N, C-alpha and C. Protein backbone atom coordinates (compact mmCIF):
# COMPACT_ATOMS: atom_id res chain seq x y z
N MET A 1 -11.39 -36.11 -14.26
CA MET A 1 -11.02 -34.72 -14.37
C MET A 1 -10.66 -34.12 -13.01
N THR A 2 -11.39 -34.51 -11.96
CA THR A 2 -11.07 -34.00 -10.63
C THR A 2 -9.65 -34.40 -10.24
N GLU A 3 -9.29 -35.65 -10.55
CA GLU A 3 -7.93 -36.10 -10.23
C GLU A 3 -6.90 -35.29 -10.99
N ASP A 4 -7.18 -34.93 -12.24
CA ASP A 4 -6.24 -34.13 -13.01
C ASP A 4 -6.02 -32.77 -12.36
N LEU A 5 -7.10 -32.12 -11.96
CA LEU A 5 -6.98 -30.83 -11.28
C LEU A 5 -6.23 -30.97 -9.97
N ALA A 6 -6.58 -31.96 -9.19
CA ALA A 6 -5.89 -32.18 -7.92
C ALA A 6 -4.41 -32.44 -8.16
N ALA A 7 -4.10 -33.24 -9.17
CA ALA A 7 -2.69 -33.56 -9.47
C ALA A 7 -1.93 -32.31 -9.90
N ILE A 8 -2.55 -31.46 -10.69
CA ILE A 8 -1.89 -30.23 -11.14
C ILE A 8 -1.53 -29.36 -9.93
N PHE A 9 -2.50 -29.14 -9.04
CA PHE A 9 -2.25 -28.26 -7.90
C PHE A 9 -1.41 -28.92 -6.81
N ASP A 10 -1.55 -30.23 -6.62
CA ASP A 10 -0.68 -30.92 -5.66
C ASP A 10 0.77 -30.88 -6.13
N GLY A 11 0.97 -31.06 -7.42
CA GLY A 11 2.33 -30.98 -7.99
C GLY A 11 2.92 -29.59 -7.80
N ALA A 12 2.11 -28.56 -8.02
CA ALA A 12 2.58 -27.18 -7.82
C ALA A 12 2.95 -26.95 -6.37
N ARG A 13 2.11 -27.42 -5.45
CA ARG A 13 2.40 -27.24 -4.02
C ARG A 13 3.71 -27.92 -3.63
N ALA A 14 3.94 -29.11 -4.15
CA ALA A 14 5.18 -29.84 -3.84
C ALA A 14 6.40 -29.08 -4.36
N ARG A 15 6.30 -28.56 -5.57
CA ARG A 15 7.43 -27.82 -6.15
C ARG A 15 7.68 -26.50 -5.42
N LEU A 16 6.61 -25.91 -4.89
CA LEU A 16 6.72 -24.60 -4.26
C LEU A 16 6.93 -24.64 -2.75
N ALA A 17 7.10 -25.82 -2.19
CA ALA A 17 7.16 -25.97 -0.74
C ALA A 17 8.13 -25.00 -0.06
N SER A 18 9.24 -24.69 -0.69
CA SER A 18 10.22 -23.80 -0.06
C SER A 18 10.10 -22.35 -0.53
N ALA A 19 9.18 -22.07 -1.43
CA ALA A 19 9.02 -20.70 -1.95
C ALA A 19 8.18 -19.86 -0.99
N PRO A 20 8.44 -18.58 -0.93
CA PRO A 20 7.65 -17.72 -0.03
C PRO A 20 6.21 -17.57 -0.53
N GLN A 21 5.31 -17.41 0.43
CA GLN A 21 3.90 -17.20 0.12
C GLN A 21 3.54 -15.75 0.39
N GLU A 22 2.40 -15.33 -0.14
CA GLU A 22 1.89 -13.99 0.08
C GLU A 22 0.66 -14.08 0.98
N ALA A 23 0.39 -13.01 1.71
CA ALA A 23 -0.69 -12.98 2.70
C ALA A 23 -2.05 -12.84 2.05
N LEU A 24 -3.03 -13.53 2.64
CA LEU A 24 -4.43 -13.37 2.30
C LEU A 24 -5.06 -12.57 3.43
N GLY A 25 -5.86 -11.58 3.09
CA GLY A 25 -6.46 -10.75 4.12
C GLY A 25 -7.93 -10.50 3.88
N ALA A 26 -8.60 -10.03 4.92
CA ALA A 26 -10.01 -9.68 4.84
C ALA A 26 -10.25 -8.44 5.69
N VAL A 27 -11.16 -7.59 5.24
CA VAL A 27 -11.50 -6.38 5.98
C VAL A 27 -12.29 -6.77 7.22
N SER A 28 -11.91 -6.21 8.35
CA SER A 28 -12.58 -6.48 9.62
C SER A 28 -13.08 -5.16 10.19
N GLU A 29 -14.39 -5.07 10.35
CA GLU A 29 -14.99 -3.87 10.94
C GLU A 29 -14.77 -3.93 12.45
N PRO A 30 -14.57 -2.77 13.07
CA PRO A 30 -14.34 -2.77 14.52
C PRO A 30 -15.62 -3.14 15.27
N GLY A 31 -15.44 -3.89 16.34
CA GLY A 31 -16.56 -4.18 17.22
C GLY A 31 -16.90 -2.92 18.03
N ARG A 32 -17.92 -3.00 18.81
CA ARG A 32 -18.37 -1.84 19.57
C ARG A 32 -17.27 -1.29 20.49
N LEU A 33 -16.57 -2.17 21.20
CA LEU A 33 -15.53 -1.73 22.12
C LEU A 33 -14.36 -1.11 21.36
N ARG A 34 -13.90 -1.76 20.30
CA ARG A 34 -12.79 -1.21 19.51
C ARG A 34 -13.17 0.13 18.91
N ALA A 35 -14.41 0.27 18.46
CA ALA A 35 -14.86 1.55 17.90
C ALA A 35 -14.83 2.65 18.96
N LEU A 36 -15.23 2.32 20.18
CA LEU A 36 -15.21 3.30 21.27
C LEU A 36 -13.79 3.72 21.63
N LEU A 37 -12.85 2.78 21.48
CA LEU A 37 -11.45 3.07 21.78
C LEU A 37 -10.74 3.76 20.62
N GLY A 38 -11.46 3.98 19.52
CA GLY A 38 -10.87 4.68 18.38
C GLY A 38 -10.12 3.78 17.42
N SER A 39 -10.26 2.49 17.58
CA SER A 39 -9.59 1.55 16.69
C SER A 39 -10.46 1.36 15.45
N GLY A 40 -9.94 1.71 14.30
CA GLY A 40 -10.74 1.68 13.08
C GLY A 40 -10.76 0.34 12.38
N THR A 41 -11.37 0.37 11.23
CA THR A 41 -11.44 -0.81 10.37
C THR A 41 -10.02 -1.21 10.00
N ARG A 42 -9.79 -2.50 9.91
CA ARG A 42 -8.45 -3.00 9.58
C ARG A 42 -8.58 -4.22 8.68
N ILE A 43 -7.45 -4.61 8.13
CA ILE A 43 -7.38 -5.84 7.33
C ILE A 43 -6.68 -6.87 8.19
N VAL A 44 -7.30 -8.03 8.35
CA VAL A 44 -6.73 -9.09 9.18
C VAL A 44 -6.27 -10.25 8.30
N ARG A 45 -5.30 -10.96 8.81
CA ARG A 45 -4.71 -12.09 8.09
C ARG A 45 -5.69 -13.27 8.05
N ARG A 46 -5.83 -13.86 6.87
CA ARG A 46 -6.71 -15.02 6.68
C ARG A 46 -5.97 -16.19 6.04
N GLY A 47 -4.66 -16.19 6.16
CA GLY A 47 -3.87 -17.28 5.61
C GLY A 47 -2.83 -16.77 4.65
N SER A 48 -2.30 -17.70 3.85
CA SER A 48 -1.28 -17.34 2.86
C SER A 48 -1.38 -18.29 1.67
N ALA A 49 -0.80 -17.86 0.56
CA ALA A 49 -0.85 -18.66 -0.66
C ALA A 49 0.28 -18.25 -1.59
N TRP A 50 0.58 -19.12 -2.52
CA TRP A 50 1.51 -18.78 -3.58
C TRP A 50 0.71 -18.12 -4.69
N ARG A 51 1.23 -17.02 -5.23
CA ARG A 51 0.54 -16.38 -6.36
C ARG A 51 1.11 -16.93 -7.65
N LEU A 52 0.22 -17.51 -8.44
CA LEU A 52 0.57 -18.05 -9.76
C LEU A 52 -0.26 -17.29 -10.79
N GLY A 53 0.16 -16.08 -11.11
CA GLY A 53 -0.57 -15.27 -12.07
C GLY A 53 -1.93 -14.87 -11.54
N VAL A 54 -3.00 -15.38 -12.16
CA VAL A 54 -4.37 -15.03 -11.75
C VAL A 54 -4.90 -15.99 -10.70
N LEU A 55 -4.05 -16.90 -10.22
CA LEU A 55 -4.45 -17.88 -9.21
C LEU A 55 -3.66 -17.69 -7.93
N LEU A 56 -4.29 -18.01 -6.82
CA LEU A 56 -3.63 -18.11 -5.52
C LEU A 56 -3.80 -19.55 -5.07
N VAL A 57 -2.70 -20.22 -4.80
CA VAL A 57 -2.75 -21.62 -4.39
C VAL A 57 -2.28 -21.72 -2.95
N SER A 58 -3.20 -22.10 -2.07
CA SER A 58 -2.86 -22.30 -0.66
C SER A 58 -2.67 -23.79 -0.42
N ALA A 59 -2.41 -24.14 0.82
CA ALA A 59 -2.18 -25.55 1.16
C ALA A 59 -3.41 -26.41 0.90
N ASP A 60 -4.61 -25.81 0.96
CA ASP A 60 -5.82 -26.63 0.83
C ASP A 60 -6.89 -26.06 -0.10
N ALA A 61 -6.58 -25.00 -0.84
CA ALA A 61 -7.58 -24.41 -1.73
C ALA A 61 -6.90 -23.67 -2.88
N VAL A 62 -7.70 -23.32 -3.87
CA VAL A 62 -7.24 -22.52 -5.01
C VAL A 62 -8.21 -21.35 -5.13
N TYR A 63 -7.67 -20.15 -5.28
CA TYR A 63 -8.47 -18.94 -5.33
C TYR A 63 -8.17 -18.16 -6.61
N ALA A 64 -9.13 -17.37 -7.03
CA ALA A 64 -8.91 -16.37 -8.08
C ALA A 64 -8.40 -15.12 -7.39
N VAL A 65 -7.39 -14.49 -7.97
CA VAL A 65 -6.83 -13.27 -7.40
C VAL A 65 -7.88 -12.17 -7.42
N GLY A 66 -7.90 -11.38 -6.37
CA GLY A 66 -8.78 -10.22 -6.29
C GLY A 66 -7.94 -8.96 -6.38
N GLU A 67 -7.99 -8.15 -5.33
CA GLU A 67 -7.22 -6.92 -5.27
C GLU A 67 -5.90 -7.21 -4.55
N VAL A 68 -4.82 -6.62 -5.05
CA VAL A 68 -3.50 -6.82 -4.46
C VAL A 68 -2.96 -5.47 -4.01
N LEU A 69 -2.43 -5.41 -2.79
CA LEU A 69 -1.86 -4.17 -2.28
C LEU A 69 -0.66 -4.48 -1.42
N ARG A 70 0.07 -3.44 -1.08
CA ARG A 70 1.18 -3.56 -0.13
C ARG A 70 0.83 -2.72 1.09
N ALA A 71 1.01 -3.33 2.26
CA ALA A 71 0.75 -2.61 3.50
C ALA A 71 1.70 -1.42 3.58
N GLY A 72 1.18 -0.29 4.04
CA GLY A 72 2.06 0.86 4.16
C GLY A 72 1.36 2.10 4.63
N ASP A 73 2.16 3.10 4.92
CA ASP A 73 1.66 4.40 5.34
C ASP A 73 0.86 4.99 4.18
N PRO A 74 -0.30 5.55 4.47
CA PRO A 74 -1.12 6.10 3.38
C PRO A 74 -0.48 7.28 2.68
N GLY A 75 0.54 7.89 3.26
CA GLY A 75 1.23 8.98 2.58
C GLY A 75 0.42 10.26 2.54
N ARG A 76 0.60 11.00 1.48
CA ARG A 76 -0.04 12.32 1.37
C ARG A 76 -1.56 12.20 1.32
N ARG A 77 -2.22 13.28 1.63
CA ARG A 77 -3.68 13.26 1.73
C ARG A 77 -4.39 13.94 0.56
N GLY A 78 -3.70 14.69 -0.28
CA GLY A 78 -4.35 15.41 -1.37
C GLY A 78 -4.36 14.61 -2.65
N TYR A 79 -5.28 13.66 -2.79
CA TYR A 79 -5.33 12.78 -3.95
C TYR A 79 -6.17 13.37 -5.07
N ALA A 80 -5.71 13.21 -6.29
CA ALA A 80 -6.46 13.67 -7.45
C ALA A 80 -7.61 12.71 -7.77
N ALA A 81 -7.44 11.46 -7.42
CA ALA A 81 -8.46 10.45 -7.75
C ALA A 81 -8.96 9.76 -6.48
N GLU A 82 -10.24 9.51 -6.44
CA GLU A 82 -10.83 8.81 -5.30
C GLU A 82 -10.26 7.40 -5.17
N SER A 83 -9.93 6.77 -6.30
CA SER A 83 -9.36 5.42 -6.26
C SER A 83 -8.00 5.42 -5.55
N ALA A 84 -7.21 6.47 -5.74
CA ALA A 84 -5.91 6.57 -5.06
C ALA A 84 -6.12 6.72 -3.56
N ARG A 85 -7.12 7.49 -3.16
CA ARG A 85 -7.43 7.66 -1.74
C ARG A 85 -7.85 6.31 -1.14
N HIS A 86 -8.70 5.58 -1.86
CA HIS A 86 -9.17 4.28 -1.38
C HIS A 86 -8.00 3.31 -1.20
N ARG A 87 -7.09 3.25 -2.16
CA ARG A 87 -5.94 2.35 -2.05
C ARG A 87 -5.05 2.73 -0.87
N ALA A 88 -4.89 4.02 -0.64
CA ALA A 88 -4.08 4.47 0.50
C ALA A 88 -4.74 4.05 1.81
N GLU A 89 -6.06 4.14 1.87
CA GLU A 89 -6.77 3.71 3.07
C GLU A 89 -6.60 2.21 3.29
N LEU A 90 -6.64 1.43 2.22
CA LEU A 90 -6.44 -0.01 2.35
C LEU A 90 -5.04 -0.32 2.85
N ARG A 91 -4.03 0.38 2.34
CA ARG A 91 -2.65 0.16 2.81
C ARG A 91 -2.54 0.43 4.30
N ALA A 92 -3.18 1.51 4.77
CA ALA A 92 -3.16 1.84 6.19
C ALA A 92 -3.93 0.81 7.01
N MET A 93 -5.05 0.32 6.49
CA MET A 93 -5.83 -0.70 7.20
C MET A 93 -5.01 -1.98 7.36
N ALA A 94 -4.18 -2.31 6.37
CA ALA A 94 -3.33 -3.49 6.47
C ALA A 94 -2.29 -3.31 7.59
N LEU A 95 -1.72 -2.13 7.69
CA LEU A 95 -0.78 -1.86 8.78
C LEU A 95 -1.47 -2.00 10.13
N ARG A 96 -2.67 -1.44 10.27
CA ARG A 96 -3.42 -1.55 11.53
C ARG A 96 -3.74 -3.00 11.86
N GLY A 97 -3.86 -3.83 10.84
CA GLY A 97 -4.18 -5.24 11.06
C GLY A 97 -2.97 -6.09 11.38
N GLY A 98 -1.78 -5.50 11.39
CA GLY A 98 -0.59 -6.24 11.79
C GLY A 98 0.31 -6.70 10.66
N PHE A 99 0.04 -6.29 9.43
CA PHE A 99 0.93 -6.64 8.33
C PHE A 99 2.16 -5.74 8.38
N ALA A 100 3.28 -6.28 7.97
CA ALA A 100 4.53 -5.52 7.96
C ALA A 100 4.51 -4.49 6.83
N PRO A 101 5.14 -3.34 7.02
CA PRO A 101 5.22 -2.37 5.93
C PRO A 101 5.84 -3.01 4.68
N GLY A 102 5.18 -2.82 3.55
CA GLY A 102 5.66 -3.39 2.29
C GLY A 102 5.19 -4.80 2.01
N GLU A 103 4.55 -5.45 2.99
CA GLU A 103 4.08 -6.82 2.80
C GLU A 103 2.93 -6.85 1.79
N THR A 104 2.96 -7.80 0.88
CA THR A 104 1.89 -7.96 -0.11
C THR A 104 0.69 -8.63 0.55
N VAL A 105 -0.49 -8.06 0.29
CA VAL A 105 -1.74 -8.57 0.87
C VAL A 105 -2.76 -8.72 -0.25
N HIS A 106 -3.44 -9.85 -0.29
CA HIS A 106 -4.50 -10.11 -1.26
C HIS A 106 -5.85 -9.96 -0.59
N LEU A 107 -6.74 -9.19 -1.21
CA LEU A 107 -8.11 -8.98 -0.72
C LEU A 107 -9.09 -9.41 -1.80
N GLY A 108 -10.28 -9.78 -1.39
CA GLY A 108 -11.34 -10.06 -2.37
C GLY A 108 -11.07 -11.27 -3.24
N PHE A 109 -10.22 -12.16 -2.78
CA PHE A 109 -9.95 -13.39 -3.53
C PHE A 109 -11.18 -14.29 -3.41
N GLU A 110 -11.37 -15.15 -4.41
CA GLU A 110 -12.56 -16.01 -4.46
C GLU A 110 -12.14 -17.47 -4.60
N GLU A 111 -12.62 -18.31 -3.68
CA GLU A 111 -12.28 -19.73 -3.77
C GLU A 111 -12.92 -20.33 -5.02
N LEU A 112 -12.13 -21.10 -5.74
CA LEU A 112 -12.60 -21.71 -6.98
C LEU A 112 -13.19 -23.09 -6.69
N ASP A 113 -14.22 -23.45 -7.42
CA ASP A 113 -14.90 -24.73 -7.27
C ASP A 113 -14.31 -25.71 -8.28
N LEU A 114 -13.29 -26.45 -7.86
CA LEU A 114 -12.62 -27.38 -8.76
C LEU A 114 -13.54 -28.51 -9.19
N ALA A 115 -14.46 -28.91 -8.33
CA ALA A 115 -15.41 -29.97 -8.69
C ALA A 115 -16.31 -29.52 -9.83
N ALA A 116 -16.72 -28.26 -9.82
CA ALA A 116 -17.57 -27.74 -10.90
C ALA A 116 -16.81 -27.75 -12.23
N VAL A 117 -15.54 -27.39 -12.18
CA VAL A 117 -14.72 -27.41 -13.40
C VAL A 117 -14.57 -28.84 -13.89
N ALA A 118 -14.32 -29.76 -12.97
CA ALA A 118 -14.16 -31.17 -13.33
C ALA A 118 -15.43 -31.73 -13.96
N ALA A 119 -16.58 -31.20 -13.55
CA ALA A 119 -17.86 -31.68 -14.06
C ALA A 119 -18.24 -31.02 -15.39
N GLY A 120 -17.36 -30.18 -15.92
CA GLY A 120 -17.62 -29.56 -17.21
C GLY A 120 -18.03 -28.11 -17.14
N GLY A 121 -18.06 -27.55 -15.95
CA GLY A 121 -18.46 -26.16 -15.79
C GLY A 121 -17.26 -25.23 -15.73
N ALA A 122 -17.47 -24.11 -15.08
CA ALA A 122 -16.42 -23.12 -14.93
C ALA A 122 -16.47 -22.56 -13.52
N SER A 123 -15.36 -22.02 -13.08
CA SER A 123 -15.27 -21.34 -11.80
C SER A 123 -14.15 -20.33 -11.90
N GLY A 124 -14.51 -19.04 -11.80
CA GLY A 124 -13.51 -17.99 -11.97
C GLY A 124 -12.84 -18.12 -13.32
N PRO A 125 -11.51 -18.10 -13.35
CA PRO A 125 -10.81 -18.19 -14.64
C PRO A 125 -10.66 -19.63 -15.16
N LEU A 126 -11.10 -20.61 -14.38
CA LEU A 126 -10.96 -22.02 -14.79
C LEU A 126 -12.20 -22.50 -15.52
N LEU A 127 -11.99 -23.34 -16.53
CA LEU A 127 -13.08 -23.94 -17.27
C LEU A 127 -12.61 -25.25 -17.87
N ARG A 128 -13.56 -25.97 -18.43
CA ARG A 128 -13.22 -27.24 -19.08
C ARG A 128 -13.54 -27.11 -20.56
N GLY A 129 -12.62 -27.56 -21.38
CA GLY A 129 -12.81 -27.54 -22.82
C GLY A 129 -11.92 -28.57 -23.46
N ASP A 130 -12.39 -29.18 -24.51
CA ASP A 130 -11.61 -30.21 -25.20
C ASP A 130 -11.18 -31.33 -24.25
N GLY A 131 -12.00 -31.61 -23.23
CA GLY A 131 -11.72 -32.69 -22.31
C GLY A 131 -10.61 -32.43 -21.32
N ARG A 132 -10.20 -31.17 -21.17
CA ARG A 132 -9.13 -30.86 -20.21
C ARG A 132 -9.40 -29.53 -19.52
N ALA A 133 -8.69 -29.32 -18.43
CA ALA A 133 -8.82 -28.07 -17.68
C ALA A 133 -8.09 -26.96 -18.41
N LEU A 134 -8.76 -25.81 -18.52
CA LEU A 134 -8.20 -24.64 -19.17
C LEU A 134 -8.25 -23.46 -18.22
N ILE A 135 -7.47 -22.43 -18.53
CA ILE A 135 -7.51 -21.20 -17.74
C ILE A 135 -7.58 -20.02 -18.69
N ARG A 136 -8.45 -19.08 -18.35
CA ARG A 136 -8.52 -17.81 -19.07
C ARG A 136 -7.71 -16.84 -18.23
N TRP A 137 -6.47 -16.61 -18.64
CA TRP A 137 -5.54 -15.84 -17.83
C TRP A 137 -5.60 -14.34 -18.10
N SER A 138 -6.33 -13.93 -19.14
CA SER A 138 -6.57 -12.50 -19.37
C SER A 138 -7.94 -12.35 -20.01
N ALA A 139 -8.53 -11.18 -19.85
CA ALA A 139 -9.89 -10.95 -20.35
C ALA A 139 -9.98 -11.16 -21.86
N GLY A 140 -8.97 -10.75 -22.59
CA GLY A 140 -9.02 -10.86 -24.04
C GLY A 140 -8.31 -12.06 -24.62
N GLY A 141 -7.61 -12.80 -23.78
CA GLY A 141 -6.82 -13.93 -24.27
C GLY A 141 -7.63 -15.20 -24.39
N ALA A 142 -7.18 -16.05 -25.28
CA ALA A 142 -7.82 -17.36 -25.43
C ALA A 142 -7.41 -18.25 -24.25
N PRO A 143 -8.30 -19.14 -23.82
CA PRO A 143 -7.92 -20.06 -22.74
C PRO A 143 -6.73 -20.93 -23.15
N MET A 144 -5.92 -21.27 -22.18
CA MET A 144 -4.79 -22.16 -22.43
C MET A 144 -4.85 -23.33 -21.45
N PRO A 145 -4.16 -24.43 -21.75
CA PRO A 145 -4.18 -25.57 -20.83
C PRO A 145 -3.68 -25.18 -19.44
N LEU A 146 -4.44 -25.56 -18.43
CA LEU A 146 -4.11 -25.22 -17.05
C LEU A 146 -2.74 -25.78 -16.65
N SER A 147 -2.45 -27.00 -17.02
CA SER A 147 -1.18 -27.61 -16.61
C SER A 147 0.01 -26.82 -17.13
N ALA A 148 -0.04 -26.37 -18.37
CA ALA A 148 1.06 -25.58 -18.93
C ALA A 148 1.18 -24.23 -18.22
N TYR A 149 0.04 -23.60 -17.95
CA TYR A 149 0.02 -22.31 -17.26
C TYR A 149 0.64 -22.44 -15.87
N VAL A 150 0.21 -23.44 -15.11
CA VAL A 150 0.73 -23.64 -13.76
C VAL A 150 2.22 -23.95 -13.79
N ASP A 151 2.66 -24.81 -14.71
CA ASP A 151 4.09 -25.12 -14.83
C ASP A 151 4.91 -23.86 -15.09
N GLU A 152 4.42 -23.03 -16.01
CA GLU A 152 5.13 -21.79 -16.36
C GLU A 152 5.19 -20.84 -15.16
N ARG A 153 4.09 -20.68 -14.45
CA ARG A 153 4.04 -19.77 -13.32
C ARG A 153 4.87 -20.26 -12.14
N VAL A 154 4.89 -21.56 -11.92
CA VAL A 154 5.73 -22.12 -10.85
C VAL A 154 7.20 -21.86 -11.18
N ALA A 155 7.59 -22.11 -12.43
CA ALA A 155 8.98 -21.87 -12.84
C ALA A 155 9.37 -20.40 -12.66
N LEU A 156 8.46 -19.49 -13.01
CA LEU A 156 8.75 -18.05 -12.84
C LEU A 156 8.87 -17.68 -11.37
N LEU A 157 8.06 -18.28 -10.52
CA LEU A 157 8.13 -17.98 -9.09
C LEU A 157 9.42 -18.53 -8.48
N LEU A 158 9.82 -19.71 -8.91
CA LEU A 158 11.03 -20.32 -8.36
C LEU A 158 12.30 -19.67 -8.90
N GLU A 159 12.28 -19.24 -10.15
CA GLU A 159 13.45 -18.60 -10.78
C GLU A 159 13.00 -17.39 -11.57
N PRO A 160 12.77 -16.27 -10.88
CA PRO A 160 12.32 -15.07 -11.59
C PRO A 160 13.38 -14.56 -12.57
N PRO A 161 12.93 -13.96 -13.66
CA PRO A 161 13.90 -13.41 -14.61
C PRO A 161 14.77 -12.35 -13.95
N ALA A 162 15.97 -12.14 -14.48
CA ALA A 162 16.87 -11.13 -13.94
C ALA A 162 16.19 -9.77 -13.97
N GLY A 163 16.28 -9.04 -12.88
CA GLY A 163 15.70 -7.70 -12.79
C GLY A 163 14.25 -7.69 -12.36
N ALA A 164 13.65 -8.85 -12.15
CA ALA A 164 12.23 -8.88 -11.75
C ALA A 164 12.08 -8.66 -10.26
């Protein structure tokens, strides 16, 4: 089973070699000196990965998607919802961390334990059932075969539908 998982993701990486990746980031609190200089909390780059639906596939790991944002100016300050204010702050933190305006940044992603899935367990949206790797791609949806899901998502990334 481990070989099947490795083969699925190695095949995806090979097919996606020329496709653009999206940034992985992490919140970085300012050290004492940066805080004294007025440099606030920022989001720093922690690598990159291809986004395949609910999965992020990097050169050496597979992650479950967390929060997704675009780096940018926080814009207006009078927000009706606290969640909108929080997202604006995250966009600004990404800019302070060196991301380009409009660049997609993934936060809170979780590395998946492929060995646990291969052993019959689960990790994030991945699980084993009927002797094969499955993925739960939505909270209410039934699990589907991982290989079919990855093939479909790779095809969509390589050739997005018109207007996407």
